[in-house]
Amino acid sequence: MEFICRFHDADELQRVRGLLRSKGIPTFAPQVEPRRMGAQWTLFVYLNEQADDARRILRDPGHQPAHPVGGGLRGAGLCIGQGRMSAAIAAVFTAGASLARSLA
């Protein structure tokens, strides 16, 4: 999993995630700051090999990734297309985000 960028606008985050999903790039976007602090999300790609393609798509939405993934990920315990993850995986990322905030 590789960090791509940070968002302050939930609508823009959803637009970008939809664009990347349509190009075969699954993403994860945990909220890292609560709304009272000015909501912020970080965007990650699940597959490190797709990070450069994801960044390029943000600059050039017409770019086609070298290694898009198909719909087969839904059966692997992750519903990536809908932004849902198994509880265990979500707990790991929540703990990591909390640790990062406490160290900042």
C-alpha atoms as a PDB file:
ATOM      1  CA  MET A   1       0.000   0.000   0.000  1.00  0.00           C
ATOM      2  CA  GLU A   2       1.420   3.366  -1.002  1.00  0.00           C
ATOM      3  CA  PHE A   3       0.382   6.918  -0.101  1.00  0.00           C
ATOM      4  CA  ILE A   4      -0.819   9.041  -3.026  1.00  0.00           C
ATOM      5  CA  CYS A   5      -2.104  12.330  -1.599  1.00  0.00           C
ATOM      6  CA  ARG A   6      -4.222  14.048   1.054  1.00  0.00           C
ATOM      7  CA  PHE A   7      -7.721  15.489   0.560  1.00  0.00           C
ATOM      8  CA  HIS A   8      -9.671  18.146   2.440  1.00  0.00           C
ATOM      9  CA  ASP A   9     -12.831  17.847   0.319  1.00  0.00           C
ATOM     10  CA  ALA A  10     -14.907  14.657   0.614  1.00  0.00           C
ATOM     11  CA  ASP A  11     -16.590  15.193  -2.760  1.00  0.00           C
ATOM     12  CA  GLU A  12     -13.259  15.560  -4.559  1.00  0.00           C
ATOM     13  CA  LEU A  13     -11.955  12.466  -2.773  1.00  0.00           C
ATOM     14  CA  GLN A  14     -14.951  10.435  -3.970  1.00  0.00           C
ATOM     15  CA  ARG A  15     -14.543  11.760  -7.522  1.00  0.00           C
ATOM     16  CA  VAL A  16     -10.868  10.767  -7.602  1.00  0.00           C
ATOM     17  CA  ARG A  17     -11.530   7.362  -6.039  1.00  0.00           C
ATOM     18  CA  GLY A  18     -14.226   6.722  -8.653  1.00  0.00           C
ATOM     19  CA  LEU A  19     -11.859   7.709 -11.451  1.00  0.00           C
ATOM     20  CA  LEU A  20      -9.092   5.454 -10.158  1.00  0.00           C
ATOM     21  CA  ARG A  21     -11.541   2.582  -9.590  1.00  0.00           C
ATOM     22  CA  SER A  22     -12.788   2.952 -13.177  1.00  0.00           C
ATOM     23  CA  LYS A  23      -9.173   2.601 -14.343  1.00  0.00           C
ATOM     24  CA  GLY A  24      -8.654  -0.601 -12.313  1.00  0.00           C
ATOM     25  CA  ILE A  25      -6.804   0.956  -9.378  1.00  0.00           C
ATOM     26  CA  PRO A  26      -8.289   0.015  -5.972  1.00  0.00           C
ATOM     27  CA  THR A  27      -7.811   2.586  -3.219  1.00  0.00           C
ATOM     28  CA  PHE A  28      -8.167   3.060   0.523  1.00  0.00           C
ATOM     29  CA  ALA A  29      -8.915   6.482   2.037  1.00  0.00           C
ATOM     30  CA  PRO A  30      -9.078   6.669   5.838  1.00  0.00           C
ATOM     31  CA  GLN A  31     -10.165   9.895   7.493  1.00  0.00           C
ATOM     32  CA  VAL A  32      -7.124  11.149   9.409  1.00  0.00           C
ATOM     33  CA  GLU A  33      -8.579  14.268  11.018  1.00  0.00           C
ATOM     34  CA  PRO A  34     -12.025  14.608  12.579  1.00  0.00           C
ATOM     35  CA  ARG A  35     -14.474  17.150  11.204  1.00  0.00           C
ATOM     36  CA  ARG A  36     -14.053  19.456  14.171  1.00  0.00           C
ATOM     37  CA  MET A  37     -10.382  19.762  13.195  1.00  0.00           C
ATOM     38  CA  GLY A  38     -11.150  20.231   9.484  1.00  0.00           C
ATOM     39  CA  ALA A  39     -11.787  16.810   7.956  1.00  0.00           C
ATOM     40  CA  GLN A  40      -8.882  15.305   6.027  1.00  0.00           C
ATOM     41  CA  TRP A  41      -8.405  11.994   4.275  1.00  0.00           C
ATOM     42  CA  THR A  42      -5.319  10.257   2.956  1.00  0.00           C
ATOM     43  CA  LEU A  43      -5.511   8.321  -0.285  1.00  0.00           C
ATOM     44  CA  PHE A  44      -3.550   5.100  -0.727  1.00  0.00           C
ATOM     45  CA  VAL A  45      -3.393   2.585  -3.557  1.00  0.00           C
ATOM     46  CA  TYR A  46      -3.508  -1.034  -2.450  1.00  0.00           C
ATOM     47  CA  LEU A  47      -0.909  -2.175  -4.963  1.00  0.00           C
ATOM     48  CA  ASN A  48       2.416  -0.343  -4.824  1.00  0.00           C
ATOM     49  CA  GLU A  49       2.956  -1.140  -8.508  1.00  0.00           C
ATOM     50  CA  GLN A  50       0.007   1.135  -9.335  1.00  0.00           C
ATOM     51  CA  ALA A  51       1.182   4.192  -7.382  1.00  0.00           C
ATOM     52  CA  ASP A  52       2.925   5.916 -10.299  1.00  0.00           C
ATOM     53  CA  ASP A  53      -0.052   5.264 -12.571  1.00  0.00           C
ATOM     54  CA  ALA A  54      -2.426   6.672  -9.941  1.00  0.00           C
ATOM     55  CA  ARG A  55      -0.382   9.870  -9.618  1.00  0.00           C
ATOM     56  CA  ARG A  56      -0.242  10.207 -13.392  1.00  0.00           C
ATOM     57  CA  ILE A  57      -4.025   9.757 -13.677  1.00  0.00           C
ATOM     58  CA  LEU A  58      -4.474  12.627 -11.201  1.00  0.00           C
ATOM     59  CA  ARG A  59      -2.527  14.837 -13.631  1.00  0.00           C
ATOM     60  CA  ASP A  60      -3.862  13.232 -16.828  1.00  0.00           C
ATOM     61  CA  PRO A  61      -7.260  11.497 -16.434  1.00  0.00           C
ATOM     62  CA  GLY A  62      -6.862   9.940 -19.882  1.00  0.00           C
ATOM     63  CA  HIS A  63      -3.830   7.885 -18.836  1.00  0.00           C
ATOM     64  CA  GLN A  64      -4.306   4.112 -18.891  1.00  0.00           C
ATOM     65  CA  PRO A  65      -2.544   2.182 -16.101  1.00  0.00           C
ATOM     66  CA  ALA A  66      -0.052  -0.520 -17.022  1.00  0.00           C
ATOM     67  CA  HIS A  67      -1.514  -3.098 -14.612  1.00  0.00           C
ATOM     68  CA  PRO A  68      -5.237  -2.525 -13.956  1.00  0.00           C
ATOM     69  CA  VAL A  69      -7.050  -5.040 -11.786  1.00  0.00           C
ATOM     70  CA  GLY A  70     -10.421  -6.519 -12.649  1.00  0.00           C
ATOM     71  CA  GLY A  71     -13.518  -7.244 -10.618  1.00  0.00           C
ATOM     72  CA  GLY A  72     -11.998 -10.411  -9.145  1.00  0.00           C
ATOM     73  CA  LEU A  73     -11.016  -8.602  -5.947  1.00  0.00           C
ATOM     74  CA  ARG A  74     -14.574  -8.645  -4.621  1.00  0.00           C
ATOM     75  CA  GLY A  75     -14.335 -12.331  -3.776  1.00  0.00           C
ATOM     76  CA  ALA A  76     -11.142 -11.927  -1.792  1.00  0.00           C
ATOM     77  CA  GLY A  77     -12.769 -10.574   1.357  1.00  0.00           C
ATOM     78  CA  LEU A  78     -12.398  -6.931   0.332  1.00  0.00           C
ATOM     79  CA  CYS A  79     -15.202  -5.007  -1.297  1.00  0.00           C
ATOM     80  CA  ILE A  80     -12.801  -2.452  -2.667  1.00  0.00           C
ATOM     81  CA  GLY A  81     -15.201  -1.033  -5.244  1.00  0.00           C
ATOM     82  CA  GLN A  82     -17.573   0.108  -2.510  1.00  0.00           C
ATOM     83  CA  GLY A  83     -14.815   1.307  -0.187  1.00  0.00           C
ATOM     84  CA  ARG A  84     -15.582  -1.382   2.425  1.00  0.00           C
ATOM     85  CA  MET A  85     -12.958  -3.563   4.038  1.00  0.00           C
ATOM     86  CA  SER A  86     -13.035  -6.436   6.453  1.00  0.00           C
ATOM     87  CA  ALA A  87     -13.177  -5.358  10.087  1.00  0.00           C
ATOM     88  CA  ALA A  88      -9.708  -6.751  10.789  1.00  0.00           C
ATOM     89  CA  ILE A  89      -8.046  -4.809   7.981  1.00  0.00           C
ATOM     90  CA  ALA A  90      -9.919  -1.624   8.864  1.00  0.00           C
ATOM     91  CA  ALA A  91      -8.771  -1.979  12.488  1.00  0.00           C
ATOM     92  CA  VAL A  92      -5.139  -2.202  11.386  1.00  0.00           C
ATOM     93  CA  PHE A  93      -5.376   1.001   9.360  1.00  0.00           C
ATOM     94  CA  THR A  94      -7.295   2.814  12.101  1.00  0.00           C
ATOM     95  CA  ALA A  95      -4.617   1.872  14.629  1.00  0.00           C
ATOM     96  CA  GLY A  96      -1.894   3.009  12.231  1.00  0.00           C
ATOM     97  CA  ALA A  97      -3.586   6.365  11.655  1.00  0.00           C
ATOM     98  CA  SER A  98      -3.980   6.869  15.416  1.00  0.00           C
ATOM     99  CA  LEU A  99      -0.316   6.075  15.982  1.00  0.00           C
ATOM    100  CA  ALA A 100       0.740   8.481  13.226  1.00  0.00           C
ATOM    101  CA  ARG A 101      -1.348  11.283  14.778  1.00  0.00           C
ATOM    102  CA  SER A 102       0.118  10.644  18.234  1.00  0.00           C
ATOM    103  CA  LEU A 103       3.678  10.784  16.863  1.00  0.00           C
ATOM    104  CA  ALA A 104       3.094  13.982  14.874  1.00  0.00           C
END
